[in-house]
Protein backbone atom coordinates (compact mmCIF):
# COMPACT_ATOMS: atom_id res chain seq x y z
CA MET A 1 0.47 13.27 12.16
CA VAL A 2 1.51 11.91 8.82
CA SER A 3 2.77 13.52 5.65
CA SER A 4 3.72 12.95 2.08
CA PRO A 5 7.50 12.44 1.89
CA GLU A 6 7.81 15.66 -0.11
CA SER A 7 9.94 18.00 1.99
CA LYS A 8 7.59 20.99 1.72
CA ALA A 9 4.67 18.89 3.01
CA VAL A 10 6.72 17.57 5.92
CA ARG A 11 7.89 21.06 6.89
CA THR A 12 4.37 22.48 6.62
CA VAL A 13 2.90 19.86 8.96
CA GLY A 14 5.82 20.33 11.35
CA LEU A 15 5.43 24.10 11.47
CA ALA A 16 1.65 23.91 11.82
CA MET A 17 1.85 21.57 14.79
CA GLY A 18 4.56 23.40 16.70
CA PRO A 19 6.64 21.25 19.10
CA ALA A 20 4.46 18.22 18.31
CA GLY A 21 5.49 18.54 14.67
CA ALA A 22 8.77 16.81 15.42
CA ASN A 23 6.86 13.51 15.37
CA VAL A 24 5.63 13.68 11.77
CA VAL A 25 5.61 10.29 10.05
CA THR A 26 5.98 10.13 6.27
CA ASP A 27 3.86 7.85 4.08
CA PRO A 28 4.30 7.76 0.28
CA ARG A 29 0.61 6.95 -0.17
CA PHE A 30 -0.11 10.64 0.49
CA ARG A 31 2.23 11.85 -2.27
CA GLU A 32 0.99 13.90 -5.21
CA ILE A 33 -0.17 11.95 -8.25
CA ASP A 34 2.47 10.11 -10.26
CA ARG A 35 2.85 11.75 -13.64
CA VAL A 36 5.21 12.41 -16.50
CA GLU A 37 4.82 16.12 -17.06
CA HIS A 38 6.71 18.78 -18.89
CA VAL A 39 6.00 22.46 -18.34
CA HIS A 40 4.36 23.67 -21.50
CA VAL A 41 1.75 26.16 -22.56
CA ASP A 42 -1.24 24.03 -21.49
CA PHE A 43 0.16 22.05 -18.55
CA ARG A 44 -2.39 23.70 -16.25
CA ASP A 45 -5.15 22.65 -18.63
CA ALA A 46 -3.81 19.09 -18.56
CA ARG A 47 -4.00 19.13 -14.76
CA ARG A 48 -7.54 20.52 -14.85
CA ALA A 49 -8.60 17.76 -17.24
CA TRP A 50 -7.08 15.11 -14.94
CA VAL A 51 -8.88 16.49 -11.90
CA ALA A 52 -12.14 16.52 -13.88
CA GLY A 53 -11.60 12.90 -14.87
CA ARG A 54 -11.30 13.72 -18.56
CA LEU A 55 -8.10 11.91 -19.51
CA ASP A 56 -6.60 12.14 -23.00
CA ASP A 57 -3.27 11.74 -24.79
CA ARG A 58 -1.66 14.36 -22.54
CA HIS A 59 -2.02 11.99 -19.58
CA LYS A 60 0.04 9.07 -20.85
CA GLY A 61 2.19 7.91 -17.95
CA TRP A 62 -0.06 9.61 -15.40
CA GLU A 63 -1.57 7.77 -12.46
CA ALA A 64 -5.32 7.33 -12.93
CA PRO A 65 -7.60 9.28 -10.55
CA ASP A 66 -9.18 6.11 -9.11
CA ALA A 67 -5.76 4.55 -8.48
CA ALA A 68 -4.54 7.70 -6.71
CA ALA A 69 -7.71 7.80 -4.58
CA ARG A 70 -7.32 4.12 -3.63
CA ARG A 71 -3.76 4.38 -2.35
CA PHE A 72 -4.63 7.61 -0.47
CA HIS A 73 -7.49 5.72 1.21
CA GLU A 74 -5.16 2.81 2.00
CA GLY A 75 -2.91 5.29 3.76
CA LEU A 76 -5.78 6.54 5.92
CA LEU A 77 -6.74 3.01 6.91
CA ALA A 78 -3.15 2.18 7.82
CA HIS A 79 -2.94 4.96 10.43
CA GLU A 80 -5.33 3.83 13.15
CA ALA A 81 -6.49 6.91 15.03
CA GLU A 82 -9.72 8.80 15.49
CA HIS A 83 -8.07 12.00 14.24
CA VAL A 84 -5.36 11.90 11.58
CA ILE A 85 -3.54 15.04 10.45
CA VAL A 86 -2.29 14.55 6.89
CA GLY A 87 0.10 16.72 4.94
CA THR A 88 -0.66 16.04 1.28
CA HIS A 89 -1.20 17.61 -2.16
CA GLY A 90 -4.09 19.11 -4.04
CA MET A 91 -4.65 16.77 -6.97
CA VAL A 92 -4.50 13.50 -5.04
CA LEU A 93 -6.62 14.98 -2.24
CA THR A 94 -9.26 16.10 -4.73
CA ALA A 95 -9.32 12.67 -6.39
CA TRP A 96 -9.90 11.03 -3.01
CA LEU A 97 -12.65 13.49 -2.05
CA VAL A 98 -14.40 12.83 -5.36
CA ALA A 99 -14.13 9.06 -4.82
CA GLN A 100 -15.67 9.51 -1.37
CA GLY A 101 -18.55 11.53 -2.79
CA LEU A 102 -17.53 14.56 -0.72
CA VAL A 103 -16.80 16.65 -3.81
CA ASP A 104 -18.68 16.32 -7.10
CA GLY A 105 -16.66 15.26 -10.11
CA GLY A 106 -16.04 17.06 -13.36
CA ASP A 107 -15.98 20.85 -13.36
CA ASP A 108 -16.97 21.01 -9.67
CA ALA A 109 -13.81 19.06 -8.80
CA VAL A 110 -11.72 21.47 -10.85
CA GLU A 111 -13.29 24.45 -9.09
CA PHE A 112 -12.57 22.90 -5.69
CA TRP A 113 -8.96 22.10 -6.64
CA GLU A 114 -8.30 25.60 -7.97
CA THR A 115 -9.56 27.22 -4.76
CA LEU A 116 -7.04 25.31 -2.64
CA ARG A 117 -4.21 27.49 -1.36
CA PHE A 118 -0.85 26.62 0.16
CA PRO A 119 -1.03 25.97 3.01
CA ASP A 120 -4.72 25.21 3.37
CA VAL A 121 -6.54 23.24 6.07
CA LEU A 122 -9.49 20.98 5.33
CA GLN A 123 -11.35 19.04 8.03
CA VAL A 124 -13.21 15.92 6.89
CA SER A 125 -15.27 13.43 8.87
CA ILE A 126 -15.79 10.08 7.15
CA PRO A 127 -16.97 6.68 8.33
CA LEU A 128 -14.24 4.03 8.20
CA LEU A 129 -15.65 0.50 8.39
CA ARG A 130 -13.58 -2.55 9.27
CA VAL A 131 -14.92 -6.00 8.47
CA ARG A 132 -13.77 -9.29 10.02
CA ALA A 133 -14.65 -12.97 9.74
CA VAL A 134 -15.22 -15.36 12.62
CA LEU A 135 -14.07 -18.15 10.33
CA THR A 136 -14.46 -21.85 11.10
CA ASP A 137 -13.18 -24.83 9.14
CA ALA A 138 -14.82 -28.22 8.51
CA GLU A 139 -13.62 -29.46 11.91
CA GLY A 140 -15.17 -26.52 13.74
CA ARG A 141 -11.84 -24.86 14.49
CA LEU A 142 -11.46 -21.08 14.42
CA VAL A 143 -9.07 -19.72 11.80
CA LEU A 144 -7.16 -16.93 13.57
CA ILE A 145 -4.14 -14.76 12.92
CA LYS A 146 -1.45 -14.72 15.58
CA ARG A 147 0.12 -11.26 15.74
CA THR A 148 3.68 -11.09 16.99
CA ARG A 149 5.35 -7.71 17.30
CA PRO A 150 8.86 -7.02 18.58
CA GLY A 151 8.86 -6.46 22.33
CA LEU A 152 5.15 -7.22 22.79
CA VAL A 153 3.24 -10.25 24.01
CA PRO A 154 1.60 -12.09 21.06
CA TYR A 155 -2.16 -11.85 20.59
CA TRP A 156 -4.71 -13.24 18.14
CA THR A 157 -7.23 -11.57 15.83
CA THR A 158 -9.83 -12.66 13.34
CA PRO A 159 -8.92 -12.11 9.68
CA GLY A 160 -10.17 -8.96 8.01
CA GLY A 161 -9.46 -5.26 7.69
CA GLY A 162 -10.67 -1.94 6.39
CA MET A 163 -13.01 -1.51 3.45
CA MET A 164 -11.38 -0.08 0.34
CA LEU A 165 -12.80 2.09 -2.42
CA VAL A 166 -12.78 -0.91 -4.78
CA ASP A 167 -15.15 -2.84 -2.49
CA ALA A 168 -18.74 -2.86 -3.69
CA SER A 169 -20.06 -3.86 -0.25
CA PRO A 170 -18.81 -4.86 3.23
CA GLU A 171 -19.10 -8.50 2.20
CA ASP A 172 -17.08 -7.87 -0.94
CA GLY A 173 -14.42 -6.15 1.15
CA LEU A 174 -14.26 -9.07 3.58
CA ARG A 175 -13.86 -11.60 0.78
CA ARG A 176 -10.96 -9.53 -0.57
CA GLU A 177 -9.35 -9.39 2.89
CA LEU A 178 -9.64 -13.17 3.27
CA ARG A 179 -7.91 -13.67 -0.07
CA GLU A 180 -5.15 -11.21 0.83
CA GLU A 181 -4.50 -12.40 4.40
CA LEU A 182 -5.14 -16.14 4.11
CA GLY A 183 -5.39 -17.03 0.44
CA ALA A 184 -8.85 -18.21 1.48
CA ASP A 185 -12.37 -18.42 0.13
CA ALA A 186 -15.34 -18.61 2.50
CA VAL A 187 -19.11 -18.56 2.75
CA LEU A 188 -20.21 -15.50 4.72
CA ASP A 189 -23.12 -15.86 7.12
CA GLU A 190 -24.83 -13.49 9.53
CA VAL A 191 -23.34 -10.55 11.40
CA ILE A 192 -22.62 -11.64 14.98
CA LEU A 193 -21.06 -8.47 16.41
CA GLU A 194 -20.93 -4.79 15.56
CA ARG A 195 -18.98 -2.26 17.60
CA ARG A 196 -17.89 1.35 17.38
CA LEU A 197 -14.20 2.07 17.82
CA ASP A 198 -14.58 5.85 17.99
CA SER A 199 -16.66 8.60 16.40
CA ILE A 200 -15.81 7.60 12.80
CA ARG A 201 -14.51 4.01 12.92
CA SER A 202 -16.59 0.87 13.40
CA GLU A 203 -16.06 -2.85 13.09
CA THR A 204 -18.41 -5.62 11.90
CA PHE A 205 -17.83 -9.34 12.51
CA TYR A 206 -19.40 -11.95 10.24
CA ALA A 207 -19.76 -15.65 10.96
CA ALA A 208 -18.11 -17.49 8.06
CA THR A 209 -17.36 -21.03 6.92
CA LEU A 210 -14.06 -21.86 5.25
CA LYS A 211 -14.27 -23.31 1.72
CA SER A 212 -10.57 -23.36 0.84
CA ILE A 213 -7.29 -21.93 2.08
CA HIS A 214 -3.89 -21.58 0.42
CA PRO A 215 -1.59 -19.46 2.64
CA ALA A 216 1.07 -19.31 -0.08
CA LEU A 217 -1.35 -17.16 -2.11
CA ALA A 218 -1.74 -14.55 0.64
CA ASP A 219 -0.48 -11.24 -0.74
CA GLY A 220 -1.80 -8.49 1.53
CA PRO A 221 0.20 -5.25 1.95
CA GLU A 222 0.89 -6.11 5.61
CA PHE A 223 3.34 -8.79 4.46
CA ASP A 224 5.50 -6.16 2.75
CA ASP A 225 6.26 -4.24 5.96
CA SER A 226 8.49 -6.20 8.33
CA SER A 227 8.17 -3.48 11.00
CA ARG A 228 4.57 -4.62 11.55
CA GLY A 229 5.73 -7.99 12.87
CA ARG A 230 4.52 -11.50 12.05
CA TYR A 231 1.11 -12.67 10.81
CA ASP A 232 0.79 -16.42 11.43
CA ILE A 233 -2.33 -18.43 10.59
CA GLU A 234 -3.45 -20.73 13.40
CA PHE A 235 -6.35 -23.14 13.82
CA VAL A 236 -7.80 -22.94 17.34
CA THR A 237 -10.35 -25.33 18.80
CA ARG A 238 -13.18 -24.13 21.00
CA ASP A 239 -11.51 -25.83 23.99
CA GLU A 240 -8.28 -23.91 23.32
CA LEU A 241 -9.97 -20.54 22.93
CA SER A 242 -10.07 -19.66 26.63
CA ALA A 243 -6.26 -19.71 26.81
CA VAL A 244 -5.84 -17.49 23.74
CA ASP A 245 -5.63 -13.68 23.94
CA LEU A 246 -8.20 -13.10 21.20
CA ARG A 247 -8.96 -9.44 20.57
CA PRO A 248 -11.28 -7.71 21.02
CA ALA A 249 -12.16 -9.20 24.39
CA GLU A 250 -15.89 -8.77 23.80
CA LEU A 251 -15.68 -11.02 20.74
CA LYS A 252 -13.88 -13.69 22.76
CA ALA A 253 -16.51 -13.48 25.50
CA LEU A 254 -19.26 -13.85 22.89
CA LEU A 255 -17.64 -16.90 21.29
CA LEU A 256 -17.12 -18.62 24.63
CA THR A 257 -20.87 -18.49 25.22
CA ARG A 258 -21.88 -19.82 21.80
């Protein structure tokens, strides 16, 4: 359960979930759209125009619909669960649904937004694809990320993450993730493993060859949240792989046979 930090949203999720509602987590990515708005005679018309994607001078200082949809989607990807209960707001939710192709844009989006009631419940099933690179350098070493979290035994993963709305394709999303996590550029090769995580989430692993890497240029959002622990880049030889807790285990088993 996660909610916009707005107190009404938090209380609504808490009340709806009963005793379990005490565990609501807040995430500002699910907030209503950022806007500079004064109540005036046509403020509802200005909101309708924003929802329809028809921006004009009334929307100076307003968050763009695609930007609002992107950060909402980032919030969904950050909360790893098959079922996520989100307490949010009508305009940002509509922008995200339009970006996902689940609601048509323009006047249809306005009609959908205006039929929402407080509180309202909407159930959505969407595929969430994660893409990762089995990345090797010129010496044949694997480029891995060592994950260290407080109180837990360290483990290793391949670089990558969830596809975003800005990504034109899975490959485009993986190249973005490599830039963000490693400051790296790579040549992507064939898919070597695909697996389902649950009914809506799946993960695809690409073989890849490192072209360049500049860790100082890594600027992914994971580096801004110290509670998520450390992300350290390590180069692991094939001989060293058996002693490394590389996850998922099925990927490690596959690599040990190659």
